[in-house]
């Protein structure tokens, strides 16, 4: 167990729809199963205590709108437990870039693991792609040598800075760079989830 970080490529149009109707975020986070979306819609449609005491019947079961995603959407990156270390290193490597992990907006009040989902629109993802493209693995490794690990998730693992930990982080760094490039190449934003 522990806090893991995943992100999904999504169009700005779909982000706007999700912001207008936050339970739809589950169609991104769990595209194969609509039960979480239905549960969220049902909890929002629940009549007040007063209406229940007065014998008013509950509303019919809600039916979620269905979002139709393009082929490039819903690509996922799973940064597992190294997201916070990557964040610390990238702050040193690209201090002027929008922060992928911290500068996101919030999708309503729908709890998707550890709080609501976050989001970045395509413009922010394109800025990150432009900046992160110039960060090499060596830049990342150099930053890891000097990055403060105070408060970083799984600090005890990263403090060792052994070959296994370094390999784990560099593999996830490559995956993050590929994901951000994908969003920029397809003019997509991202939905972020901590689980």
N, C-alpha and C. Protein backbone atom coordinates (compact mmCIF):
# COMPACT_ATOMS: atom_id res chain seq x y z
N UNK A 1 0.84 -1.18 0.00
CA UNK A 1 0.00 0.00 0.00
C UNK A 1 0.89 1.24 0.00
N UNK A 2 0.28 2.37 -0.14
CA UNK A 2 0.98 3.64 -0.14
C UNK A 2 0.39 4.54 -1.19
N UNK A 3 0.90 5.74 -1.24
CA UNK A 3 0.38 6.72 -2.17
C UNK A 3 1.05 6.53 -3.52
N UNK A 4 0.25 6.24 -4.52
CA UNK A 4 0.73 6.12 -5.90
C UNK A 4 0.11 7.24 -6.71
N UNK A 5 0.74 7.60 -7.81
CA UNK A 5 0.31 8.72 -8.62
C UNK A 5 0.15 8.25 -10.06
N UNK A 6 -1.04 8.47 -10.63
CA UNK A 6 -1.28 8.14 -12.03
C UNK A 6 -1.88 9.37 -12.73
N UNK A 7 -1.70 9.42 -14.03
CA UNK A 7 -2.25 10.52 -14.83
C UNK A 7 -2.77 9.94 -16.14
N UNK A 8 -3.80 10.59 -16.68
CA UNK A 8 -4.45 10.16 -17.92
C UNK A 8 -4.52 11.33 -18.88
N UNK A 9 -4.22 11.09 -20.14
CA UNK A 9 -4.32 12.12 -21.17
C UNK A 9 -5.79 12.33 -21.53
N UNK A 10 -6.24 13.58 -21.50
CA UNK A 10 -7.65 13.91 -21.76
C UNK A 10 -7.71 15.27 -22.46
N UNK A 11 -8.64 15.42 -23.37
CA UNK A 11 -8.80 16.68 -24.09
C UNK A 11 -9.33 17.78 -23.18
N UNK A 12 -9.04 19.02 -23.55
CA UNK A 12 -9.57 20.16 -22.79
C UNK A 12 -11.10 20.15 -22.78
N UNK A 13 -11.69 19.72 -23.89
CA UNK A 13 -13.15 19.65 -23.98
C UNK A 13 -13.70 18.69 -22.92
N UNK A 14 -13.09 17.54 -22.78
CA UNK A 14 -13.55 16.59 -21.77
C UNK A 14 -13.25 17.07 -20.35
N UNK A 15 -12.13 17.77 -20.17
CA UNK A 15 -11.86 18.35 -18.86
C UNK A 15 -12.96 19.34 -18.49
N UNK A 16 -13.38 20.16 -19.45
CA UNK A 16 -14.47 21.13 -19.18
C UNK A 16 -15.76 20.40 -18.81
N UNK A 17 -16.07 19.31 -19.51
CA UNK A 17 -17.27 18.54 -19.19
C UNK A 17 -17.18 17.92 -17.79
N UNK A 18 -16.01 17.44 -17.44
CA UNK A 18 -15.81 16.82 -16.12
C UNK A 18 -15.90 17.88 -15.02
N UNK A 19 -15.34 19.05 -15.27
CA UNK A 19 -15.44 20.12 -14.28
C UNK A 19 -16.89 20.54 -14.06
N UNK A 20 -17.69 20.50 -15.12
CA UNK A 20 -19.11 20.86 -15.00
C UNK A 20 -19.91 19.76 -14.32
N UNK A 21 -19.43 18.52 -14.40
CA UNK A 21 -20.14 17.36 -13.83
C UNK A 21 -19.09 16.41 -13.24
N UNK A 22 -18.53 16.73 -12.05
CA UNK A 22 -17.37 16.00 -11.50
C UNK A 22 -17.48 14.48 -11.41
N UNK A 23 -18.66 13.87 -11.18
CA UNK A 23 -18.68 12.40 -11.16
C UNK A 23 -18.20 11.76 -12.48
N UNK A 24 -18.23 12.54 -13.56
CA UNK A 24 -17.75 12.00 -14.84
C UNK A 24 -16.25 11.69 -14.81
N UNK A 25 -15.53 12.20 -13.81
CA UNK A 25 -14.10 11.90 -13.72
C UNK A 25 -13.87 10.39 -13.66
N UNK A 26 -14.83 9.66 -13.13
CA UNK A 26 -14.68 8.20 -13.05
C UNK A 26 -14.67 7.55 -14.42
N UNK A 27 -15.21 8.21 -15.45
CA UNK A 27 -15.14 7.65 -16.79
C UNK A 27 -13.72 7.71 -17.35
N UNK A 28 -12.88 8.54 -16.74
CA UNK A 28 -11.46 8.57 -17.09
C UNK A 28 -10.70 7.59 -16.21
N UNK A 29 -10.93 7.67 -14.91
CA UNK A 29 -10.14 6.90 -13.95
C UNK A 29 -10.47 5.42 -13.94
N UNK A 30 -11.69 5.08 -14.32
CA UNK A 30 -12.10 3.68 -14.36
C UNK A 30 -13.03 3.49 -15.56
N UNK A 31 -12.45 3.63 -16.75
CA UNK A 31 -13.22 3.65 -17.99
C UNK A 31 -13.96 2.33 -18.26
N UNK A 32 -13.50 1.24 -17.69
CA UNK A 32 -14.10 -0.06 -17.94
C UNK A 32 -15.30 -0.36 -17.05
N UNK A 33 -15.45 0.38 -15.96
CA UNK A 33 -16.49 0.07 -14.98
C UNK A 33 -17.16 1.37 -14.55
N UNK A 34 -18.45 1.51 -14.81
CA UNK A 34 -19.13 2.76 -14.47
C UNK A 34 -19.75 2.75 -13.07
N UNK A 35 -19.46 1.72 -12.25
CA UNK A 35 -20.10 1.63 -10.94
C UNK A 35 -19.68 2.78 -10.01
N UNK A 36 -18.42 3.23 -10.05
CA UNK A 36 -17.99 4.34 -9.19
C UNK A 36 -18.70 5.62 -9.61
N UNK A 37 -18.83 5.83 -10.91
CA UNK A 37 -19.55 7.01 -11.41
C UNK A 37 -21.00 6.96 -10.96
N UNK A 38 -21.64 5.80 -11.08
CA UNK A 38 -23.04 5.65 -10.67
C UNK A 38 -23.21 5.88 -9.17
N UNK A 39 -22.28 5.36 -8.37
CA UNK A 39 -22.35 5.58 -6.92
C UNK A 39 -22.26 7.06 -6.58
N UNK A 40 -21.35 7.74 -7.25
CA UNK A 40 -21.17 9.17 -7.00
C UNK A 40 -22.41 9.96 -7.41
N UNK A 41 -22.98 9.62 -8.56
CA UNK A 41 -24.20 10.29 -9.00
C UNK A 41 -25.36 10.02 -8.04
N UNK A 42 -25.45 8.78 -7.57
CA UNK A 42 -26.54 8.41 -6.65
C UNK A 42 -26.40 9.15 -5.32
N UNK A 43 -25.17 9.32 -4.83
CA UNK A 43 -25.00 10.01 -3.55
C UNK A 43 -25.37 11.48 -3.68
N UNK A 44 -25.14 12.06 -4.85
CA UNK A 44 -25.52 13.46 -5.09
C UNK A 44 -27.01 13.63 -5.29
N UNK A 45 -27.70 12.57 -5.70
CA UNK A 45 -29.14 12.65 -5.96
C UNK A 45 -29.97 12.25 -4.75
N UNK A 46 -29.33 11.86 -3.69
CA UNK A 46 -30.02 11.41 -2.47
C UNK A 46 -30.86 12.56 -1.91
N UNK A 47 -32.15 12.32 -1.61
CA UNK A 47 -32.98 13.40 -1.06
C UNK A 47 -32.52 13.78 0.35
N UNK A 48 -32.81 15.00 0.73
CA UNK A 48 -32.43 15.48 2.06
C UNK A 48 -33.19 14.70 3.13
N UNK A 49 -32.69 14.79 4.35
CA UNK A 49 -33.34 14.12 5.48
C UNK A 49 -34.78 14.60 5.63
N UNK A 50 -35.00 15.90 5.46
CA UNK A 50 -36.36 16.45 5.59
C UNK A 50 -37.29 15.83 4.55
N UNK A 51 -36.85 15.73 3.33
CA UNK A 51 -37.69 15.13 2.28
C UNK A 51 -37.97 13.67 2.58
N UNK A 52 -36.97 12.97 3.13
CA UNK A 52 -37.20 11.56 3.47
C UNK A 52 -38.19 11.43 4.63
N UNK A 53 -38.09 12.33 5.61
CA UNK A 53 -39.02 12.31 6.74
C UNK A 53 -40.45 12.62 6.30
N UNK A 54 -40.57 13.46 5.28
CA UNK A 54 -41.90 13.81 4.76
C UNK A 54 -42.44 12.76 3.80
N UNK A 55 -41.66 11.72 3.58
CA UNK A 55 -42.12 10.61 2.76
C UNK A 55 -42.00 10.84 1.26
N UNK A 56 -41.21 11.80 0.87
CA UNK A 56 -41.01 12.03 -0.56
C UNK A 56 -40.18 10.90 -1.13
N UNK A 57 -40.56 10.43 -2.26
CA UNK A 57 -39.84 9.30 -2.86
C UNK A 57 -38.48 9.75 -3.38
N UNK A 58 -37.53 8.84 -3.34
CA UNK A 58 -36.20 9.17 -3.85
C UNK A 58 -36.26 9.35 -5.37
N UNK A 59 -35.35 10.14 -5.90
CA UNK A 59 -35.32 10.32 -7.35
C UNK A 59 -34.92 9.01 -8.04
N UNK A 60 -35.26 8.89 -9.31
CA UNK A 60 -34.85 7.67 -10.02
C UNK A 60 -33.33 7.58 -10.07
N UNK A 61 -32.84 6.36 -10.26
CA UNK A 61 -31.38 6.17 -10.35
C UNK A 61 -30.84 6.98 -11.51
N UNK A 62 -29.79 7.76 -11.24
CA UNK A 62 -29.23 8.60 -12.30
C UNK A 62 -28.49 7.75 -13.34
N UNK A 63 -28.48 8.25 -14.53
CA UNK A 63 -27.76 7.61 -15.63
C UNK A 63 -26.66 8.57 -16.07
N UNK A 64 -25.40 8.14 -15.99
CA UNK A 64 -24.32 9.06 -16.35
C UNK A 64 -24.30 9.34 -17.85
N UNK A 65 -23.93 10.57 -18.18
CA UNK A 65 -23.66 10.88 -19.59
C UNK A 65 -22.41 10.09 -19.97
N UNK A 66 -22.33 9.71 -21.20
CA UNK A 66 -21.18 8.94 -21.64
C UNK A 66 -20.24 9.82 -22.44
N UNK A 67 -19.00 9.88 -22.00
CA UNK A 67 -17.99 10.65 -22.73
C UNK A 67 -17.37 9.75 -23.80
N UNK A 68 -17.20 10.30 -24.97
CA UNK A 68 -16.59 9.57 -26.09
C UNK A 68 -15.16 10.09 -26.28
N UNK A 69 -14.21 9.25 -25.98
CA UNK A 69 -12.82 9.66 -26.02
C UNK A 69 -12.18 9.35 -27.36
N UNK A 70 -11.31 10.25 -27.81
CA UNK A 70 -10.53 10.04 -29.03
C UNK A 70 -9.45 8.99 -28.76
N UNK A 71 -8.90 8.47 -29.82
CA UNK A 71 -7.90 7.40 -29.70
C UNK A 71 -6.70 7.81 -28.85
N UNK A 72 -6.25 9.06 -28.96
CA UNK A 72 -5.07 9.51 -28.22
C UNK A 72 -5.36 9.73 -26.74
N UNK A 73 -6.63 9.84 -26.38
CA UNK A 73 -6.99 10.08 -24.98
C UNK A 73 -6.89 8.78 -24.17
N UNK A 74 -6.89 8.96 -22.88
CA UNK A 74 -6.86 7.90 -21.87
C UNK A 74 -5.53 7.17 -21.78
N UNK A 75 -4.50 7.65 -22.50
CA UNK A 75 -3.17 7.08 -22.26
C UNK A 75 -2.83 7.37 -20.81
N UNK A 76 -2.25 6.40 -20.14
CA UNK A 76 -1.99 6.52 -18.71
C UNK A 76 -0.49 6.43 -18.44
N UNK A 77 -0.07 7.14 -17.40
CA UNK A 77 1.27 6.96 -16.86
C UNK A 77 1.09 6.68 -15.37
N UNK A 78 1.76 5.66 -14.90
CA UNK A 78 1.71 5.28 -13.49
C UNK A 78 3.10 5.51 -12.90
N UNK A 79 3.21 6.52 -12.05
CA UNK A 79 4.50 6.87 -11.46
C UNK A 79 4.72 6.20 -10.12
N UNK A 80 3.81 5.31 -9.77
CA UNK A 80 3.90 4.50 -8.56
C UNK A 80 4.26 5.39 -7.37
N UNK A 81 5.28 5.02 -6.62
CA UNK A 81 5.62 5.76 -5.40
C UNK A 81 6.78 6.73 -5.58
N UNK A 82 7.29 6.90 -6.79
CA UNK A 82 8.44 7.80 -6.96
C UNK A 82 8.03 9.20 -7.40
N UNK A 83 6.74 9.48 -7.44
CA UNK A 83 6.25 10.78 -7.90
C UNK A 83 6.82 11.94 -7.09
N UNK A 84 6.93 11.80 -5.79
CA UNK A 84 7.38 12.91 -4.96
C UNK A 84 8.88 13.17 -5.14
N UNK A 85 9.65 12.11 -5.33
CA UNK A 85 11.07 12.28 -5.60
C UNK A 85 11.27 12.93 -6.97
N UNK A 86 10.50 12.49 -7.97
CA UNK A 86 10.57 13.13 -9.28
C UNK A 86 10.22 14.62 -9.16
N UNK A 87 9.22 14.92 -8.36
CA UNK A 87 8.82 16.30 -8.15
C UNK A 87 9.98 17.11 -7.58
N UNK A 88 10.64 16.59 -6.56
CA UNK A 88 11.76 17.30 -5.94
C UNK A 88 12.89 17.54 -6.94
N UNK A 89 13.19 16.53 -7.75
CA UNK A 89 14.28 16.66 -8.73
C UNK A 89 13.90 17.62 -9.86
N UNK A 90 12.67 17.53 -10.35
CA UNK A 90 12.25 18.39 -11.46
C UNK A 90 12.15 19.86 -11.04
N UNK A 91 11.89 20.11 -9.78
CA UNK A 91 11.89 21.51 -9.30
C UNK A 91 13.28 22.11 -9.46
N UNK A 92 14.32 21.28 -9.30
CA UNK A 92 15.69 21.76 -9.48
C UNK A 92 16.07 21.85 -10.95
N UNK A 93 15.62 20.87 -11.74
CA UNK A 93 15.98 20.81 -13.16
C UNK A 93 15.21 21.82 -14.02
N UNK A 94 13.97 22.09 -13.65
CA UNK A 94 13.12 22.97 -14.45
C UNK A 94 12.29 23.87 -13.53
N UNK A 95 12.96 24.78 -12.83
CA UNK A 95 12.25 25.57 -11.82
C UNK A 95 11.18 26.51 -12.40
N UNK A 96 11.30 26.86 -13.68
CA UNK A 96 10.33 27.79 -14.28
C UNK A 96 9.16 27.09 -14.96
N UNK A 97 9.19 25.77 -15.03
CA UNK A 97 8.11 25.02 -15.68
C UNK A 97 6.90 24.93 -14.75
N UNK A 98 5.71 24.83 -15.32
CA UNK A 98 4.56 24.52 -14.46
C UNK A 98 4.83 23.19 -13.75
N UNK A 99 4.43 23.09 -12.50
CA UNK A 99 4.72 21.89 -11.73
C UNK A 99 3.64 20.84 -11.99
N UNK A 100 4.02 19.73 -12.58
CA UNK A 100 3.08 18.67 -12.93
C UNK A 100 2.35 18.14 -11.70
N UNK A 101 3.04 18.09 -10.58
CA UNK A 101 2.49 17.46 -9.38
C UNK A 101 1.76 18.42 -8.45
N UNK A 102 2.06 19.70 -8.53
CA UNK A 102 1.51 20.64 -7.56
C UNK A 102 0.63 21.74 -8.14
N UNK A 103 0.81 22.10 -9.38
CA UNK A 103 0.12 23.26 -9.94
C UNK A 103 -1.20 22.93 -10.63
N UNK A 104 -1.77 21.81 -10.32
CA UNK A 104 -2.99 21.42 -11.02
C UNK A 104 -4.23 22.03 -10.38
N UNK A 105 -5.29 22.10 -11.21
CA UNK A 105 -6.59 22.48 -10.67
C UNK A 105 -7.21 21.26 -10.01
N UNK A 106 -8.38 21.43 -9.41
CA UNK A 106 -9.03 20.35 -8.69
C UNK A 106 -10.39 20.06 -9.32
N UNK A 107 -10.73 18.77 -9.45
CA UNK A 107 -11.99 18.35 -10.04
C UNK A 107 -13.03 18.18 -8.93
N UNK A 108 -13.78 19.22 -8.66
CA UNK A 108 -14.88 19.15 -7.70
C UNK A 108 -14.49 18.58 -6.35
N UNK A 109 -15.45 17.88 -5.74
CA UNK A 109 -15.23 17.30 -4.41
C UNK A 109 -15.34 15.78 -4.44
N UNK A 110 -15.16 15.20 -5.59
CA UNK A 110 -15.26 13.75 -5.73
C UNK A 110 -13.94 13.13 -5.26
N UNK A 111 -14.00 12.34 -4.19
CA UNK A 111 -12.81 11.70 -3.65
C UNK A 111 -12.46 10.50 -4.54
N UNK A 112 -11.26 10.53 -5.11
CA UNK A 112 -10.84 9.47 -6.03
C UNK A 112 -9.66 8.67 -5.50
N UNK A 113 -9.43 8.75 -4.21
CA UNK A 113 -8.31 8.02 -3.59
C UNK A 113 -7.85 8.82 -2.40
N UNK A 114 -6.92 9.75 -2.66
CA UNK A 114 -6.47 10.70 -1.65
C UNK A 114 -6.95 12.08 -2.07
N UNK A 115 -8.23 12.30 -1.94
CA UNK A 115 -8.83 13.58 -2.30
C UNK A 115 -9.30 13.61 -3.74
N UNK A 116 -9.69 14.80 -4.20
CA UNK A 116 -10.19 14.95 -5.58
C UNK A 116 -9.08 14.76 -6.61
N UNK A 117 -9.48 14.46 -7.83
CA UNK A 117 -8.54 14.40 -8.94
C UNK A 117 -8.06 15.81 -9.25
N UNK A 118 -6.89 15.87 -9.84
CA UNK A 118 -6.36 17.15 -10.32
C UNK A 118 -6.45 17.17 -11.84
N UNK A 119 -6.15 18.32 -12.42
CA UNK A 119 -6.13 18.40 -13.89
C UNK A 119 -5.18 19.49 -14.35
N UNK A 120 -4.64 19.30 -15.54
CA UNK A 120 -3.89 20.33 -16.27
C UNK A 120 -4.52 20.42 -17.65
N UNK A 121 -4.70 21.60 -18.14
CA UNK A 121 -5.18 21.78 -19.51
C UNK A 121 -4.01 21.63 -20.48
N UNK A 122 -4.32 21.54 -21.75
CA UNK A 122 -3.30 21.27 -22.78
C UNK A 122 -2.21 22.33 -22.82
N UNK A 123 -2.54 23.58 -22.56
CA UNK A 123 -1.54 24.64 -22.60
C UNK A 123 -0.44 24.40 -21.56
N UNK A 124 -0.82 24.01 -20.35
CA UNK A 124 0.17 23.73 -19.31
C UNK A 124 1.00 22.50 -19.68
N UNK A 125 0.34 21.48 -20.24
CA UNK A 125 1.08 20.27 -20.63
C UNK A 125 2.08 20.58 -21.73
N UNK A 126 1.72 21.46 -22.67
CA UNK A 126 2.63 21.86 -23.74
C UNK A 126 3.83 22.62 -23.17
N UNK A 127 3.58 23.49 -22.17
CA UNK A 127 4.70 24.20 -21.53
C UNK A 127 5.62 23.22 -20.83
N UNK A 128 5.05 22.25 -20.12
CA UNK A 128 5.88 21.24 -19.45
C UNK A 128 6.69 20.45 -20.46
N UNK A 129 6.05 20.07 -21.56
CA UNK A 129 6.76 19.28 -22.58
C UNK A 129 7.95 20.06 -23.12
N UNK A 130 7.75 21.34 -23.38
CA UNK A 130 8.85 22.17 -23.89
C UNK A 130 10.00 22.26 -22.91
N UNK A 131 9.69 22.39 -21.64
CA UNK A 131 10.73 22.52 -20.62
C UNK A 131 11.34 21.18 -20.26
N UNK A 132 10.51 20.17 -20.01
CA UNK A 132 11.02 18.86 -19.58
C UNK A 132 11.78 18.15 -20.69
N UNK A 133 11.53 18.51 -21.95
CA UNK A 133 12.23 17.88 -23.08
C UNK A 133 13.74 18.09 -22.94
N UNK A 134 14.12 19.22 -22.39
CA UNK A 134 15.55 19.53 -22.29
C UNK A 134 16.21 18.91 -21.05
N UNK A 135 15.41 18.28 -20.19
CA UNK A 135 15.97 17.65 -18.98
C UNK A 135 16.41 16.23 -19.33
N UNK A 136 17.69 15.97 -19.22
CA UNK A 136 18.22 14.64 -19.53
C UNK A 136 18.19 13.76 -18.28
N UNK A 137 18.40 12.49 -18.49
CA UNK A 137 18.50 11.59 -17.34
C UNK A 137 19.68 11.98 -16.45
N UNK A 138 20.78 12.43 -17.07
CA UNK A 138 21.92 12.87 -16.27
C UNK A 138 21.58 14.10 -15.44
N UNK A 139 20.79 15.03 -16.03
CA UNK A 139 20.33 16.19 -15.26
C UNK A 139 19.52 15.73 -14.05
N UNK A 140 18.65 14.76 -14.30
CA UNK A 140 17.82 14.22 -13.21
C UNK A 140 18.70 13.60 -12.13
N UNK A 141 19.67 12.78 -12.54
CA UNK A 141 20.55 12.12 -11.57
C UNK A 141 21.37 13.15 -10.78
N UNK A 142 21.83 14.19 -11.46
CA UNK A 142 22.57 15.25 -10.76
C UNK A 142 21.67 15.95 -9.75
N UNK A 143 20.43 16.21 -10.13
CA UNK A 143 19.49 16.86 -9.22
C UNK A 143 19.18 15.97 -8.02
N UNK A 144 19.10 14.66 -8.26
CA UNK A 144 18.81 13.74 -7.16
C UNK A 144 19.92 13.75 -6.11
N UNK A 145 21.14 14.06 -6.53
CA UNK A 145 22.26 14.11 -5.58
C UNK A 145 22.13 15.28 -4.62
N UNK A 146 21.50 16.35 -5.08
CA UNK A 146 21.43 17.56 -4.25
C UNK A 146 20.01 17.87 -3.75
N UNK A 147 19.02 17.18 -4.26
CA UNK A 147 17.63 17.47 -3.87
C UNK A 147 17.41 17.21 -2.39
N UNK A 148 16.71 18.11 -1.76
CA UNK A 148 16.34 17.91 -0.36
C UNK A 148 15.27 16.82 -0.30
N UNK A 149 15.49 15.85 0.55
CA UNK A 149 14.52 14.77 0.69
C UNK A 149 13.62 14.98 1.90
N UNK A 150 13.74 16.12 2.54
CA UNK A 150 12.91 16.41 3.70
C UNK A 150 11.44 16.40 3.29
N UNK A 151 10.68 15.53 3.92
CA UNK A 151 9.24 15.44 3.64
C UNK A 151 8.88 14.69 2.38
N UNK A 152 9.86 14.17 1.64
CA UNK A 152 9.59 13.44 0.40
C UNK A 152 9.03 12.06 0.73
N UNK A 153 7.97 11.69 0.05
CA UNK A 153 7.33 10.39 0.26
C UNK A 153 8.33 9.27 -0.01
N UNK A 154 8.39 8.28 0.87
CA UNK A 154 9.32 7.14 0.81
C UNK A 154 10.78 7.60 0.94
N UNK A 155 10.99 8.62 1.73
CA UNK A 155 12.32 9.21 1.93
C UNK A 155 13.38 8.17 2.26
N UNK A 156 13.03 7.18 3.09
CA UNK A 156 14.00 6.18 3.53
C UNK A 156 14.57 5.39 2.35
N UNK A 157 13.75 5.13 1.35
CA UNK A 157 14.22 4.39 0.16
C UNK A 157 15.16 5.27 -0.65
N UNK A 158 14.78 6.53 -0.86
CA UNK A 158 15.55 7.41 -1.73
C UNK A 158 16.87 7.85 -1.10
N UNK A 159 16.92 7.91 0.22
CA UNK A 159 18.16 8.32 0.88
C UNK A 159 19.32 7.37 0.58
N UNK A 160 18.98 6.11 0.34
CA UNK A 160 20.04 5.13 0.03
C UNK A 160 20.71 5.45 -1.30
N UNK A 161 19.94 5.97 -2.23
CA UNK A 161 20.43 6.31 -3.57
C UNK A 161 21.22 5.15 -4.19
N UNK A 162 20.74 3.94 -3.93
CA UNK A 162 21.42 2.77 -4.50
C UNK A 162 20.97 2.56 -5.95
N UNK A 163 21.59 1.59 -6.62
CA UNK A 163 21.33 1.35 -8.04
C UNK A 163 19.87 0.99 -8.31
N UNK A 164 19.26 0.23 -7.43
CA UNK A 164 17.86 -0.17 -7.62
C UNK A 164 16.95 1.06 -7.56
N UNK A 165 17.16 1.92 -6.56
CA UNK A 165 16.33 3.12 -6.43
C UNK A 165 16.54 4.06 -7.61
N UNK A 166 17.79 4.24 -8.02
CA UNK A 166 18.08 5.13 -9.15
C UNK A 166 17.46 4.60 -10.43
N UNK A 167 17.55 3.29 -10.66
CA UNK A 167 16.94 2.70 -11.86
C UNK A 167 15.43 2.88 -11.84
N UNK A 168 14.83 2.67 -10.69
CA UNK A 168 13.38 2.81 -10.52
C UNK A 168 12.93 4.23 -10.88
N UNK A 169 13.67 5.22 -10.40
CA UNK A 169 13.31 6.62 -10.67
C UNK A 169 13.55 6.97 -12.13
N UNK A 170 14.66 6.53 -12.72
CA UNK A 170 14.93 6.90 -14.11
C UNK A 170 13.93 6.25 -15.07
N UNK A 171 13.52 5.02 -14.78
CA UNK A 171 12.50 4.38 -15.62
C UNK A 171 11.20 5.18 -15.57
N UNK A 172 10.80 5.61 -14.38
CA UNK A 172 9.56 6.38 -14.25
C UNK A 172 9.71 7.78 -14.83
N UNK A 173 10.91 8.33 -14.78
CA UNK A 173 11.17 9.63 -15.41
C UNK A 173 10.97 9.53 -16.92
N UNK A 174 11.49 8.48 -17.53
CA UNK A 174 11.30 8.27 -18.98
C UNK A 174 9.81 8.16 -19.30
N UNK A 175 9.09 7.42 -18.47
CA UNK A 175 7.65 7.25 -18.70
C UNK A 175 6.91 8.58 -18.56
N UNK A 176 7.31 9.39 -17.59
CA UNK A 176 6.69 10.71 -17.42
C UNK A 176 6.98 11.59 -18.63
N UNK A 177 8.24 11.61 -19.09
CA UNK A 177 8.57 12.41 -20.26
C UNK A 177 7.77 11.96 -21.49
N UNK A 178 7.64 10.65 -21.69
CA UNK A 178 6.87 10.14 -22.84
C UNK A 178 5.41 10.54 -22.72
N UNK A 179 4.85 10.48 -21.53
CA UNK A 179 3.45 10.86 -21.33
C UNK A 179 3.26 12.34 -21.63
N UNK A 180 4.13 13.18 -21.10
CA UNK A 180 3.99 14.62 -21.32
C UNK A 180 4.18 14.95 -22.80
N UNK A 181 5.11 14.30 -23.47
CA UNK A 181 5.29 14.49 -24.91
C UNK A 181 4.03 14.09 -25.66
N UNK A 182 3.43 12.96 -25.27
CA UNK A 182 2.19 12.47 -25.90
C UNK A 182 1.09 13.52 -25.77
N UNK A 183 0.91 14.08 -24.57
CA UNK A 183 -0.15 15.08 -24.40
C UNK A 183 0.12 16.30 -25.27
N UNK A 184 1.37 16.74 -25.32
CA UNK A 184 1.70 17.91 -26.14
C UNK A 184 1.52 17.61 -27.63
N UNK A 185 1.95 16.44 -28.08
CA UNK A 185 1.82 16.07 -29.50
C UNK A 185 0.37 16.00 -29.95
N UNK A 186 -0.53 15.71 -29.01
CA UNK A 186 -1.95 15.55 -29.36
C UNK A 186 -2.83 16.67 -28.78
N UNK A 187 -2.20 17.74 -28.30
CA UNK A 187 -2.92 18.89 -27.71
C UNK A 187 -3.89 18.45 -26.63
N UNK A 188 -3.40 17.64 -25.71
CA UNK A 188 -4.23 17.12 -24.63
C UNK A 188 -3.80 17.67 -23.29
N UNK A 189 -4.74 17.67 -22.37
CA UNK A 189 -4.45 17.97 -20.97
C UNK A 189 -4.29 16.65 -20.23
N UNK A 190 -4.44 16.70 -18.91
CA UNK A 190 -4.29 15.49 -18.10
C UNK A 190 -5.18 15.56 -16.88
N UNK A 191 -5.66 14.37 -16.50
CA UNK A 191 -6.37 14.19 -15.23
C UNK A 191 -5.41 13.42 -14.33
N UNK A 192 -5.24 13.88 -13.07
CA UNK A 192 -4.26 13.32 -12.15
C UNK A 192 -4.98 12.65 -10.97
N UNK A 193 -4.45 11.53 -10.51
CA UNK A 193 -5.07 10.81 -9.39
C UNK A 193 -3.98 10.30 -8.46
N UNK A 194 -4.20 10.52 -7.16
CA UNK A 194 -3.36 9.90 -6.12
C UNK A 194 -4.17 8.82 -5.46
N UNK A 195 -3.64 7.60 -5.45
CA UNK A 195 -4.38 6.47 -4.87
C UNK A 195 -3.56 5.80 -3.79
